[in-house]
Amino acid sequence: MEVEIISVGNELILGQIVNTNVAYLADQLRQLDLVAKWQTTVTDEPAQIEAAVKLACQRADLVLVCGGLGPTADDQTLPSVARALGVDLTLATKHWAAIQADFAHRQVAMTPENIRQAYYLAGGELLANPVGLALGSWLVSEQAAVAVLPGPPREFKAMVQASLLPKLRAHYGTTTPVQTRVLHFVGQPESLLMDEIAAALGDLPVVATSYVQPAEIQVRLRVTGKTPAVAEQLLDQAQQAIVAKEGAYYFGSGPSVTLAGQVVALLRQRGAKITAAESLTGGLFQSTLCNVSGASAVFDGGFVTYAARAKHQLIGVRQATIEQAGVVSAQTAAEMAEGARRALAVDYGVAFTGVAGPEPLEGHPAGTVFVAIAQQGAAPRAWQLRLNGRLGRQAIRQQSVALVLLALYHQLQGKN
């Protein structure tokens, strides 16, 4: 079974954007035991697209073409694929009516070219787009099965999940069964984490692979060739062994789990509220919380106290603490967390102060971060994070937020 992914776009060829779609799609295919051994990138030129599709159909059984389904003149993917396959295009009249209704509802002028987003390959089936306008196409021809997908990642991922994967499961239902599970970790270096996971798995027939994100590491467990029941038992055993070893860094399993979501859920269970005072993170912690649906139940507001004066005036950090211990200190972080908590009369307050770089501050190098958690009825707990100053400002901020969320997650579970 040969699979090829064709990515279309001048921006990809020129390196102006990173092709996250191909990595995502290849990973989704792998979970179905379909390996994309061929991955091709071409410009928006119709002749190149057509030639790439013809070649792919000669050497692959499944061809997935990504990008170039918009309404503009350079969006030539669908007609080019149609020419390569020797088929026409069909207008999905209901979808075209829905596009027209959408523009009317938004009171946006529609150009004649928008109708191009309502076409799909004749003789095939349309692939619904849950979050966008451009249809996808699925056609099983004499040469190969071909799918045509949009380029914008948000639309692409939604169509893959809602429309393409069910089609692939139905069409390739005889492939080796694969069961997977995603575990999430923060704070452990990837190499050490994966070495320890390998040791924890021992002889279990479970494969573990890692995927590093800006503020976490995802570990995918994979079982192949077993019945669903046996595979689930093996995944349970693997997860238990891994969490027993790496529990200090683990915060949940599942494809859509986030650390902020876990913290918000625990706060809601306790009927508790939280606030924050942020210096180097500049509001990133609060923004991360607010990305979670339902965060308003646990978060009323907070503070961004970048300057020393703001720390003193807004949340009552003592001037003497700033002068004697410095802005970048555990003492200042503790007073920030407690001051923010008291100011809004909530259950928990967190604080961040430190050096995002690249220049040092108060003699501290980039990556020096002090954080604190204040809980009603208890003394604030402050500690230092020693992050790699070469990570860059944004990565230092992201890791600081992730590590405090992990500490909150464990504290709310009664582990601290």
Protein backbone atom coordinates (compact mmCIF):
# COMPACT_ATOMS: atom_id res chain seq x y z
CA MET A 1 0.00 0.00 0.00
CA GLU A 2 1.73 3.17 -1.24
CA VAL A 3 0.62 6.63 -0.11
CA GLU A 4 1.72 10.05 -1.38
CA ILE A 5 1.01 13.52 0.00
CA ILE A 6 1.23 16.46 -2.42
CA SER A 7 1.42 19.92 -0.85
CA VAL A 8 0.61 22.88 -3.10
CA GLY A 9 1.76 26.45 -2.56
CA ASN A 10 4.39 28.98 -3.56
CA GLU A 11 4.72 29.95 0.12
CA LEU A 12 5.81 26.42 0.97
CA ILE A 13 8.37 26.29 -1.82
CA LEU A 14 9.82 29.68 -0.82
CA GLY A 15 9.97 28.81 2.88
CA GLN A 16 7.60 31.62 3.83
CA ILE A 17 5.43 29.28 5.89
CA VAL A 18 6.11 25.97 7.62
CA ASN A 19 4.23 22.98 6.24
CA THR A 20 2.51 21.83 9.42
CA ASN A 21 -0.24 20.15 7.39
CA VAL A 22 1.98 17.39 6.03
CA ALA A 23 3.30 16.50 9.49
CA TYR A 24 -0.24 16.40 10.89
CA LEU A 25 -1.59 14.32 8.01
CA ALA A 26 1.31 11.88 8.04
CA ASP A 27 0.75 11.30 11.75
CA GLN A 28 -2.98 10.72 11.24
CA LEU A 29 -2.23 8.26 8.44
CA ARG A 30 0.30 6.43 10.58
CA GLN A 31 -2.39 5.77 13.14
CA LEU A 32 -4.33 3.97 10.41
CA ASP A 33 -1.18 2.01 9.50
CA LEU A 34 -0.89 4.02 6.27
CA VAL A 35 2.62 5.37 5.72
CA ALA A 36 3.15 8.27 3.32
CA LYS A 37 6.46 7.19 1.79
CA TRP A 38 6.21 9.91 -0.86
CA GLN A 39 5.80 13.58 0.14
CA THR A 40 5.93 16.14 -2.66
CA THR A 41 5.71 19.94 -2.61
CA VAL A 42 4.90 21.95 -5.75
CA THR A 43 4.14 25.55 -6.68
CA ASP A 44 0.72 26.91 -7.61
CA GLU A 45 1.53 26.41 -11.32
CA PRO A 46 -1.23 24.24 -12.88
CA ALA A 47 1.26 22.30 -15.01
CA GLN A 48 3.32 21.36 -11.94
CA ILE A 49 0.25 20.30 -9.98
CA GLU A 50 -1.03 18.21 -12.88
CA ALA A 51 2.35 16.54 -13.43
CA ALA A 52 2.75 15.79 -9.71
CA VAL A 53 -0.69 14.16 -9.53
CA LYS A 54 -0.07 12.06 -12.65
CA LEU A 55 3.26 10.82 -11.27
CA ALA A 56 1.76 10.14 -7.83
CA CYS A 57 -1.05 8.07 -9.35
CA GLN A 58 1.58 5.91 -11.10
CA ARG A 59 3.43 5.03 -7.92
CA ALA A 60 0.85 5.32 -5.12
CA ASP A 61 -2.49 3.75 -4.29
CA LEU A 62 -3.65 6.75 -2.25
CA VAL A 63 -2.87 10.35 -3.22
CA LEU A 64 -3.69 13.26 -0.93
CA VAL A 65 -3.45 16.76 -2.42
CA CYS A 66 -3.38 19.66 0.05
CA GLY A 67 -3.85 23.37 -0.57
CA GLY A 68 -5.02 25.76 -3.28
CA LEU A 69 -8.82 25.47 -2.96
CA GLY A 70 -9.53 29.16 -2.40
CA PRO A 71 -11.46 31.50 -4.71
CA THR A 72 -8.50 33.48 -6.11
CA ALA A 73 -6.79 33.15 -9.48
CA ASP A 74 -3.77 31.31 -8.08
CA ASP A 75 -5.94 28.59 -6.52
CA GLN A 76 -5.58 26.07 -9.35
CA THR A 77 -5.43 22.79 -7.46
CA LEU A 78 -8.88 21.35 -8.14
CA PRO A 79 -9.02 21.94 -11.93
CA SER A 80 -5.42 20.72 -12.21
CA VAL A 81 -6.22 17.50 -10.35
CA ALA A 82 -9.31 17.03 -12.51
CA ARG A 83 -7.22 17.32 -15.70
CA ALA A 84 -4.65 14.87 -14.33
CA LEU A 85 -7.40 12.33 -13.65
CA GLY A 86 -9.33 13.04 -16.84
CA VAL A 87 -12.55 14.04 -15.08
CA ASP A 88 -14.76 17.13 -14.93
CA LEU A 89 -15.83 19.20 -11.95
CA THR A 90 -19.31 19.09 -10.40
CA LEU A 91 -21.07 21.97 -8.65
CA ALA A 92 -22.51 21.13 -5.23
CA THR A 93 -25.61 23.29 -5.51
CA LYS A 94 -26.60 23.04 -1.84
CA HIS A 95 -23.13 24.07 -0.75
CA TRP A 96 -23.12 26.96 -3.22
CA ALA A 97 -26.41 28.13 -1.75
CA ALA A 98 -24.90 27.87 1.73
CA ILE A 99 -21.91 29.97 0.68
CA GLN A 100 -24.21 32.65 -0.71
CA ALA A 101 -26.28 32.63 2.47
CA ASP A 102 -23.12 32.94 4.58
CA PHE A 103 -21.95 36.04 2.68
CA ALA A 104 -25.41 37.58 2.93
CA HIS A 105 -25.55 36.94 6.66
CA ARG A 106 -22.15 38.59 7.19
CA GLN A 107 -23.10 41.43 4.82
CA VAL A 108 -19.92 40.86 2.82
CA ALA A 109 -19.74 41.40 -0.93
CA MET A 110 -19.21 38.15 -2.82
CA THR A 111 -17.16 37.86 -6.00
CA PRO A 112 -18.09 35.53 -8.87
CA GLU A 113 -14.95 33.49 -8.12
CA ASN A 114 -16.40 32.27 -4.82
CA ILE A 115 -18.38 29.67 -6.74
CA ARG A 116 -15.10 27.80 -7.27
CA GLN A 117 -15.22 26.73 -3.63
CA ALA A 118 -18.42 24.77 -4.28
CA TYR A 119 -16.98 22.40 -6.90
CA TYR A 120 -15.65 18.87 -6.41
CA LEU A 121 -14.34 16.08 -8.66
CA ALA A 122 -17.04 14.62 -10.89
CA GLY A 123 -17.72 10.96 -10.25
CA GLY A 124 -16.42 11.28 -6.72
CA GLU A 125 -17.77 12.49 -3.41
CA LEU A 126 -17.49 15.84 -1.70
CA LEU A 127 -15.63 16.15 1.60
CA ALA A 128 -17.45 18.53 3.92
CA ASN A 129 -15.58 21.49 5.40
CA PRO A 130 -16.85 21.97 8.98
CA VAL A 131 -15.19 25.36 9.54
CA GLY A 132 -14.65 26.90 6.08
CA LEU A 133 -16.13 27.41 2.64
CA ALA A 134 -14.02 25.31 0.25
CA LEU A 135 -15.20 21.76 -0.36
CA GLY A 136 -12.83 18.82 -0.50
CA SER A 137 -13.03 15.93 -2.95
CA TRP A 138 -12.72 12.14 -2.74
CA LEU A 139 -12.47 10.08 -5.93
CA VAL A 140 -11.54 6.44 -6.42
CA SER A 141 -10.24 6.16 -9.98
CA GLU A 142 -8.63 3.33 -11.92
CA GLN A 143 -5.22 4.75 -11.07
CA ALA A 144 -5.60 5.59 -7.36
CA ALA A 145 -7.83 6.90 -4.64
CA VAL A 146 -7.43 10.69 -4.57
CA ALA A 147 -8.43 13.23 -1.93
CA VAL A 148 -8.19 16.99 -2.36
CA LEU A 149 -8.02 19.07 0.83
CA PRO A 150 -7.81 22.79 1.71
CA GLY A 151 -4.59 24.49 2.82
CA PRO A 152 -5.42 26.71 5.83
CA PRO A 153 -4.50 24.54 8.87
CA ARG A 154 -7.74 25.20 10.74
CA GLU A 155 -9.86 24.05 7.79
CA PHE A 156 -7.43 21.32 6.85
CA LYS A 157 -7.42 19.64 10.27
CA ALA A 158 -11.18 19.92 10.62
CA MET A 159 -11.76 18.29 7.23
CA VAL A 160 -9.23 15.56 7.92
CA GLN A 161 -10.92 14.66 11.19
CA ALA A 162 -14.56 15.02 10.16
CA SER A 163 -14.49 13.93 6.52
CA LEU A 164 -11.27 12.28 5.37
CA LEU A 165 -10.44 9.87 8.19
CA PRO A 166 -13.92 8.25 8.20
CA LYS A 167 -13.56 7.79 4.43
CA LEU A 168 -10.14 6.18 4.81
CA ARG A 169 -11.33 3.88 7.58
CA ALA A 170 -14.20 2.73 5.41
CA HIS A 171 -12.08 2.31 2.28
CA TYR A 172 -9.07 0.68 3.93
CA GLY A 173 -10.84 -1.24 6.66
CA THR A 174 -8.67 -4.31 6.08
CA THR A 175 -5.45 -2.63 7.19
CA THR A 176 -3.74 -3.78 10.36
CA PRO A 177 -5.69 -2.45 13.35
CA VAL A 178 -3.88 0.29 15.24
CA GLN A 179 -4.85 1.62 18.67
CA THR A 180 -3.20 4.75 20.04
CA ARG A 181 -3.26 6.89 23.16
CA VAL A 182 -1.67 10.29 23.77
CA LEU A 183 -0.07 11.16 27.12
CA HIS A 184 0.95 14.70 28.06
CA PHE A 185 4.03 15.80 30.03
CA VAL A 186 5.65 19.06 31.15
CA GLY A 187 9.03 19.75 32.73
CA GLN A 188 11.05 16.66 31.83
CA PRO A 189 13.67 16.84 29.02
CA GLU A 190 12.54 14.82 26.01
CA SER A 191 15.56 12.53 25.84
CA LEU A 192 15.38 11.64 29.53
CA LEU A 193 11.62 11.24 29.41
CA MET A 194 11.74 8.84 26.45
CA ASP A 195 14.62 6.82 27.96
CA GLU A 196 12.67 6.36 31.18
CA ILE A 197 9.47 5.53 29.31
CA ALA A 198 11.31 2.86 27.31
CA ALA A 199 12.55 1.34 30.56
CA ALA A 200 9.06 1.50 32.09
CA LEU A 201 7.50 -0.26 29.09
CA GLY A 202 9.93 -3.15 29.27
CA ASP A 203 8.74 -6.00 27.06
CA LEU A 204 5.21 -4.65 26.54
CA PRO A 205 4.36 -4.66 22.79
CA VAL A 206 3.68 -0.92 22.87
CA VAL A 207 5.59 1.64 20.81
CA ALA A 208 6.11 5.12 22.30
CA THR A 209 6.97 8.16 20.18
CA SER A 210 7.35 11.78 21.26
CA TYR A 211 6.20 15.07 19.80
CA VAL A 212 7.71 18.22 21.31
CA GLN A 213 5.49 21.30 21.49
CA PRO A 214 6.43 24.75 22.82
CA ALA A 215 5.25 24.07 26.37
CA GLU A 216 4.77 20.30 26.60
CA ILE A 217 5.79 16.92 25.27
CA GLN A 218 3.16 14.62 23.83
CA VAL A 219 3.91 10.89 23.94
CA ARG A 220 1.88 8.68 21.64
CA LEU A 221 1.51 5.04 22.60
CA ARG A 222 0.77 2.68 19.73
CA VAL A 223 -0.37 -0.94 19.62
CA THR A 224 -0.59 -2.73 16.26
CA GLY A 225 -2.19 -5.98 15.20
CA LYS A 226 -4.29 -6.63 18.32
CA THR A 227 -8.02 -6.70 18.84
CA PRO A 228 -9.42 -3.45 20.28
CA ALA A 229 -9.99 -5.06 23.68
CA VAL A 230 -6.47 -6.47 23.93
CA ALA A 231 -4.97 -3.22 22.63
CA GLU A 232 -6.81 -1.19 25.27
CA GLN A 233 -5.53 -3.51 28.00
CA LEU A 234 -1.98 -3.09 26.74
CA LEU A 235 -2.36 0.68 26.56
CA ASP A 236 -3.74 0.71 30.12
CA GLN A 237 -0.75 -1.29 31.36
CA ALA A 238 1.66 0.97 29.51
CA GLN A 239 0.06 4.14 30.84
CA GLN A 240 0.08 2.86 34.42
CA ALA A 241 3.76 1.93 34.18
CA ILE A 242 4.69 5.28 32.65
CA VAL A 243 2.69 7.41 35.08
CA ALA A 244 4.16 5.48 38.02
CA LYS A 245 7.59 6.58 36.81
CA GLU A 246 6.81 10.03 35.36
CA GLY A 247 3.85 11.15 37.47
CA ALA A 248 5.61 14.35 38.53
CA TYR A 249 5.50 15.53 34.90
CA TYR A 250 2.25 13.96 33.70
CA PHE A 251 -1.03 15.85 33.42
CA GLY A 252 -3.45 13.75 31.41
CA SER A 253 -4.22 11.65 28.36
CA GLY A 254 -6.27 12.18 25.24
CA PRO A 255 -5.87 14.06 21.95
CA SER A 256 -7.54 17.27 23.14
CA VAL A 257 -6.28 17.49 26.74
CA THR A 258 -4.56 20.73 27.74
CA LEU A 259 -2.86 21.59 31.00
CA ALA A 260 -4.85 24.81 31.35
CA GLY A 261 -8.05 22.86 30.73
CA GLN A 262 -7.14 20.38 33.47
CA VAL A 263 -6.48 23.21 35.94
CA VAL A 264 -9.71 25.00 35.08
CA ALA A 265 -11.66 21.76 35.50
CA LEU A 266 -10.16 21.13 38.96
CA LEU A 267 -10.87 24.70 40.05
CA ARG A 268 -14.47 24.37 38.92
CA GLN A 269 -14.85 21.10 40.80
CA ARG A 270 -13.79 22.91 43.98
CA GLY A 271 -15.79 26.05 43.31
CA ALA A 272 -12.53 28.00 43.57
CA LYS A 273 -11.31 31.10 41.80
CA ILE A 274 -7.86 32.18 40.73
CA THR A 275 -6.04 35.34 39.72
CA ALA A 276 -2.51 36.22 38.65
CA ALA A 277 0.11 38.95 38.79
CA GLU A 278 2.49 38.72 35.84
CA SER A 279 5.71 40.50 35.12
CA LEU A 280 7.92 38.74 32.57
CA THR A 281 5.00 36.67 31.18
CA GLY A 282 3.04 39.82 30.35
CA GLY A 283 -0.42 38.28 30.74
CA LEU A 284 0.33 34.97 29.02
CA PHE A 285 -0.86 32.92 32.02
CA GLN A 286 -4.18 34.74 32.09
CA SER A 287 -4.57 34.50 28.32
CA THR A 288 -3.84 30.76 28.49
CA LEU A 289 -6.55 30.29 31.11
CA CYS A 290 -9.04 32.31 29.08
CA ASN A 291 -8.48 30.05 26.06
CA VAL A 292 -10.33 27.35 28.01
CA SER A 293 -14.08 27.21 27.62
CA GLY A 294 -15.68 27.85 31.00
CA ALA A 295 -12.73 29.79 32.40
CA SER A 296 -15.04 32.63 33.41
CA ALA A 297 -16.32 30.42 36.23
CA VAL A 298 -12.91 30.45 37.88
CA PHE A 299 -11.24 33.65 36.66
CA ASP A 300 -12.57 37.18 37.18
CA GLY A 301 -9.46 39.10 36.21
CA GLY A 302 -5.84 39.75 37.10
CA PHE A 303 -2.83 42.01 36.83
CA VAL A 304 0.07 42.63 34.49
CA THR A 305 2.61 44.43 36.67
CA TYR A 306 5.61 44.81 34.42
CA ALA A 307 7.22 47.73 36.26
CA ALA A 308 8.20 47.81 39.93
CA ARG A 309 5.90 50.79 40.48
CA ALA A 310 2.92 48.79 39.19
CA LYS A 311 3.75 45.93 41.54
CA HIS A 312 3.70 48.30 44.47
CA GLN A 313 0.68 50.41 43.49
CA LEU A 314 -1.65 47.75 42.12
CA ILE A 315 -1.06 44.71 44.32
CA GLY A 316 0.78 46.06 47.35
CA VAL A 317 4.26 44.62 46.94
CA ARG A 318 6.26 46.43 49.62
CA GLN A 319 8.79 48.94 48.41
CA ALA A 320 11.23 47.58 50.96
CA THR A 321 10.95 44.09 49.43
CA ILE A 322 11.71 45.42 45.96
CA GLU A 323 14.66 47.48 47.23
CA GLN A 324 16.17 44.77 49.45
CA ALA A 325 15.39 41.54 47.56
CA GLY A 326 14.99 42.93 44.05
CA VAL A 327 12.23 42.60 41.49
CA VAL A 328 13.64 39.24 40.40
CA SER A 329 13.30 37.34 43.67
CA ALA A 330 11.25 34.74 45.48
CA GLN A 331 10.17 37.38 48.03
CA THR A 332 8.73 39.65 45.34
CA ALA A 333 7.00 36.73 43.62
CA ALA A 334 5.39 35.66 46.90
CA GLU A 335 4.11 39.17 47.65
CA MET A 336 2.81 39.49 44.07
CA ALA A 337 0.82 36.25 44.33
CA GLU A 338 -0.65 37.08 47.73
CA GLY A 339 -1.29 40.70 46.80
CA ALA A 340 -3.19 39.73 43.68
CA ARG A 341 -5.18 37.10 45.57
CA ARG A 342 -6.17 39.59 48.28
CA ALA A 343 -6.99 42.34 45.80
CA LEU A 344 -9.65 40.22 44.12
CA ALA A 345 -10.57 38.19 47.23
CA VAL A 346 -10.15 34.81 45.51
CA ASP A 347 -8.85 31.40 46.56
CA TYR A 348 -5.59 31.27 44.58
CA GLY A 349 -3.11 33.78 43.26
CA VAL A 350 -0.07 33.06 41.10
CA ALA A 351 2.84 35.28 40.17
CA PHE A 352 5.69 35.44 37.67
CA THR A 353 8.76 37.64 37.81
CA GLY A 354 12.11 37.13 36.13
CA VAL A 355 14.33 37.67 33.13
CA ALA A 356 13.11 36.73 29.67
CA GLY A 357 16.26 38.16 28.10
CA PRO A 358 18.26 38.61 26.12
CA GLU A 359 19.88 41.09 28.53
CA PRO A 360 20.40 40.26 32.23
CA LEU A 361 18.43 42.07 34.94
CA GLU A 362 19.61 42.82 38.48
CA GLY A 363 22.59 40.58 37.83
CA HIS A 364 20.41 37.61 36.86
CA PRO A 365 20.89 35.97 33.42
CA ALA A 366 18.07 35.31 30.99
CA GLY A 367 16.05 32.27 32.07
CA THR A 368 16.05 33.19 35.76
CA VAL A 369 12.42 33.08 36.80
CA PHE A 370 10.73 33.21 40.19
CA VAL A 371 7.13 32.07 40.53
CA ALA A 372 4.70 31.73 43.41
CA ILE A 373 1.32 30.30 44.32
CA ALA A 374 -0.72 31.83 47.12
CA GLN A 375 -3.67 29.95 48.59
CA GLN A 376 -6.19 31.40 50.99
CA GLY A 377 -5.34 30.40 54.53
CA ALA A 378 -1.75 29.40 53.79
CA ALA A 379 1.58 31.12 53.35
CA PRO A 380 2.56 31.76 49.71
CA ARG A 381 4.88 29.19 48.15
CA ALA A 382 7.61 30.66 45.94
CA TRP A 383 10.39 28.94 44.03
CA GLN A 384 12.89 29.50 41.24
CA LEU A 385 12.78 28.15 37.70
CA ARG A 386 16.17 27.83 36.03
CA LEU A 387 15.38 27.87 32.33
CA ASN A 388 17.74 27.87 29.39
CA GLY A 389 18.37 31.51 28.53
CA ARG A 390 19.10 30.58 24.92
CA LEU A 391 15.50 29.48 24.40
CA GLY A 392 14.40 33.02 23.60
CA ARG A 393 11.91 35.32 25.27
CA GLN A 394 8.69 33.65 24.14
CA ALA A 395 9.83 30.11 24.95
CA ILE A 396 10.91 31.21 28.43
CA ARG A 397 7.49 32.73 28.98
CA GLN A 398 5.69 29.65 27.67
CA GLN A 399 7.70 27.26 29.80
CA SER A 400 7.19 29.42 32.90
CA VAL A 401 3.43 29.36 32.42
CA ALA A 402 3.41 25.61 31.77
CA LEU A 403 5.45 24.80 34.87
CA VAL A 404 3.21 26.89 37.13
CA LEU A 405 0.11 25.29 35.62
CA LEU A 406 1.65 21.88 36.36
CA ALA A 407 2.33 22.91 39.96
CA LEU A 408 -1.27 24.11 40.27
CA TYR A 409 -2.52 20.86 38.77
CA HIS A 410 -0.66 18.82 41.38
CA GLN A 411 -1.60 21.19 44.23
CA LEU A 412 -5.29 21.00 43.32
CA GLN A 413 -4.98 17.21 43.32
CA GLY A 414 -3.46 17.35 46.80
CA LYS A 415 -0.04 16.16 45.64
CA ASN A 416 1.94 19.17 46.91
